[in-house]
C-alpha atoms as a PDB file:
ATOM      1  CA  MET A   1      20.446  -7.146 -25.247  1.00  0.00           C
ATOM      2  CA  ALA A   2      19.916  -6.250 -21.786  1.00  0.00           C
ATOM      3  CA  ARG A   3      18.992  -8.479 -19.134  1.00  0.00           C
ATOM      4  CA  VAL A   4      17.600  -7.573 -15.627  1.00  0.00           C
ATOM      5  CA  VAL A   5      16.649 -10.011 -12.907  1.00  0.00           C
ATOM      6  CA  VAL A   6      13.835  -9.141 -10.280  1.00  0.00           C
ATOM      7  CA  ASP A   7      14.282 -11.071  -7.115  1.00  0.00           C
ATOM      8  CA  VAL A   8      10.897 -10.859  -5.167  1.00  0.00           C
ATOM      9  CA  MET A   9      10.522 -11.787  -1.568  1.00  0.00           C
ATOM     10  CA  LEU A  10       8.416 -11.861   1.205  1.00  0.00           C
ATOM     11  CA  LYS A  11       8.919  -9.288   3.776  1.00  0.00           C
ATOM     12  CA  PRO A  12      10.583 -10.297   6.978  1.00  0.00           C
ATOM     13  CA  GLU A  13       7.781  -9.620   8.992  1.00  0.00           C
ATOM     14  CA  ILE A  14       5.139 -11.983   6.765  1.00  0.00           C
ATOM     15  CA  LEU A  15       4.832 -15.534   7.877  1.00  0.00           C
ATOM     16  CA  ASP A  16       6.229 -18.041   5.107  1.00  0.00           C
ATOM     17  CA  PRO A  17       4.759 -21.470   5.435  1.00  0.00           C
ATOM     18  CA  GLN A  18       6.318 -22.817   2.130  1.00  0.00           C
ATOM     19  CA  GLY A  19       9.731 -21.803   3.560  1.00  0.00           C
ATOM     20  CA  LYS A  20       8.985 -23.345   6.937  1.00  0.00           C
ATOM     21  CA  ALA A  21       7.997 -26.783   5.306  1.00  0.00           C
ATOM     22  CA  VAL A  22      11.188 -26.805   3.173  1.00  0.00           C
ATOM     23  CA  GLU A  23      13.411 -25.950   6.360  1.00  0.00           C
ATOM     24  CA  GLY A  24      12.001 -28.876   8.125  1.00  0.00           C
ATOM     25  CA  ALA A  25      12.334 -31.231   5.096  1.00  0.00           C
ATOM     26  CA  LEU A  26      15.987 -30.142   4.642  1.00  0.00           C
ATOM     27  CA  GLY A  27      16.628 -31.362   8.343  1.00  0.00           C
ATOM     28  CA  ARG A  28      14.971 -34.490   7.759  1.00  0.00           C
ATOM     29  CA  LEU A  29      16.992 -35.004   4.724  1.00  0.00           C
ATOM     30  CA  GLY A  30      20.149 -34.764   6.429  1.00  0.00           C
ATOM     31  CA  LEU A  31      21.294 -31.124   6.117  1.00  0.00           C
ATOM     32  CA  GLU A  32      22.086 -30.182   9.407  1.00  0.00           C
ATOM     33  CA  GLY A  33      22.045 -26.538  10.840  1.00  0.00           C
ATOM     34  CA  VAL A  34      19.460 -24.988   8.666  1.00  0.00           C
ATOM     35  CA  THR A  35      18.222 -22.129  10.786  1.00  0.00           C
ATOM     36  CA  SER A  36      15.812 -20.490   8.352  1.00  0.00           C
ATOM     37  CA  VAL A  37      14.340 -20.930   4.717  1.00  0.00           C
ATOM     38  CA  ARG A  38      12.423 -18.080   2.815  1.00  0.00           C
ATOM     39  CA  GLN A  39      10.799 -18.799  -0.600  1.00  0.00           C
ATOM     40  CA  GLY A  40      10.734 -16.112  -3.268  1.00  0.00           C
ATOM     41  CA  LYS A  41      10.411 -15.777  -6.832  1.00  0.00           C
ATOM     42  CA  THR A  42      12.794 -14.299  -9.615  1.00  0.00           C
ATOM     43  CA  PHE A  43      11.799 -12.898 -12.809  1.00  0.00           C
ATOM     44  CA  THR A  44      14.371 -12.564 -15.896  1.00  0.00           C
ATOM     45  CA  VAL A  45      13.415  -9.632 -18.342  1.00  0.00           C
ATOM     46  CA  GLU A  46      15.330  -9.378 -21.499  1.00  0.00           C
ATOM     47  CA  LEU A  47      15.171  -6.288 -23.350  1.00  0.00           C
ATOM     48  CA  ASP A  48      16.398  -4.871 -26.756  1.00  0.00           C
ATOM     49  CA  GLY A  49      18.995  -2.471 -26.569  1.00  0.00           C
ATOM     50  CA  GLU A  50      20.814  -1.027 -23.427  1.00  0.00           C
ATOM     51  CA  ILE A  51      19.362  -0.343 -19.844  1.00  0.00           C
ATOM     52  CA  ASP A  52      19.291   3.547 -19.027  1.00  0.00           C
ATOM     53  CA  GLU A  53      17.890   5.270 -16.207  1.00  0.00           C
ATOM     54  CA  GLU A  54      14.369   5.696 -18.102  1.00  0.00           C
ATOM     55  CA  ARG A  55      14.006   1.929 -18.898  1.00  0.00           C
ATOM     56  CA  LEU A  56      15.190   1.161 -15.456  1.00  0.00           C
ATOM     57  CA  ALA A  57      12.635   3.162 -14.037  1.00  0.00           C
ATOM     58  CA  GLN A  58      10.233   1.491 -16.043  1.00  0.00           C
ATOM     59  CA  VAL A  59      11.284  -2.014 -14.865  1.00  0.00           C
ATOM     60  CA  HIS A  60      11.204  -0.605 -11.137  1.00  0.00           C
ATOM     61  CA  GLU A  61       7.424   0.407 -11.923  1.00  0.00           C
ATOM     62  CA  LEU A  62       6.552  -2.927 -13.313  1.00  0.00           C
ATOM     63  CA  ALA A  63       8.355  -4.860 -10.430  1.00  0.00           C
ATOM     64  CA  GLY A  64       6.302  -2.618  -7.961  1.00  0.00           C
ATOM     65  CA  SER A  65       2.985  -3.115  -9.573  1.00  0.00           C
ATOM     66  CA  LEU A  66       2.978  -6.378 -11.425  1.00  0.00           C
ATOM     67  CA  LEU A  67       5.678  -8.559 -10.330  1.00  0.00           C
ATOM     68  CA  SER A  68       5.299  -8.157  -6.741  1.00  0.00           C
ATOM     69  CA  ASN A  69       2.592  -6.968  -4.063  1.00  0.00           C
ATOM     70  CA  PRO A  70       3.979  -4.202  -2.312  1.00  0.00           C
ATOM     71  CA  VAL A  71       2.155  -4.767   0.925  1.00  0.00           C
ATOM     72  CA  ILE A  72       3.747  -8.341   1.673  1.00  0.00           C
ATOM     73  CA  GLU A  73       6.759  -8.309  -0.714  1.00  0.00           C
ATOM     74  CA  ASP A  74       9.896  -6.566  -1.240  1.00  0.00           C
ATOM     75  CA  TYR A  75      12.006  -6.796  -4.656  1.00  0.00           C
ATOM     76  CA  VAL A  76      15.391  -5.950  -5.876  1.00  0.00           C
ATOM     77  CA  ILE A  77      16.571  -5.414  -9.339  1.00  0.00           C
ATOM     78  CA  ARG A  78      19.933  -6.376 -10.774  1.00  0.00           C
ATOM     79  CA  GLU A  79      21.394  -5.964 -14.194  1.00  0.00           C
ATOM     80  CA  VAL A  80      23.084  -9.122 -15.671  1.00  0.00           C
ATOM     81  CA  THR A  81      25.776  -8.662 -17.789  1.00  0.00           C
ATOM     82  CA  ALA A  82      26.358 -11.515 -20.282  1.00  0.00           C
END
């Protein structure tokens, strides 16, 4: 079994109100020195068999069309070894 993780984050130029709210809360909760918080989402995809170039390309296509909004989000795909 193969596992890939797709991390999706808002592009740097996109405002992140949820991240700002968490940033403020961390300071109020006593965590000093927080300069920025950005929120995102993570998808873990488990696949039968091994990851080859074709399957990785399929995951990229899926990440760019279903898991993220390419207008406002970037994504990174990582292969995870168990």
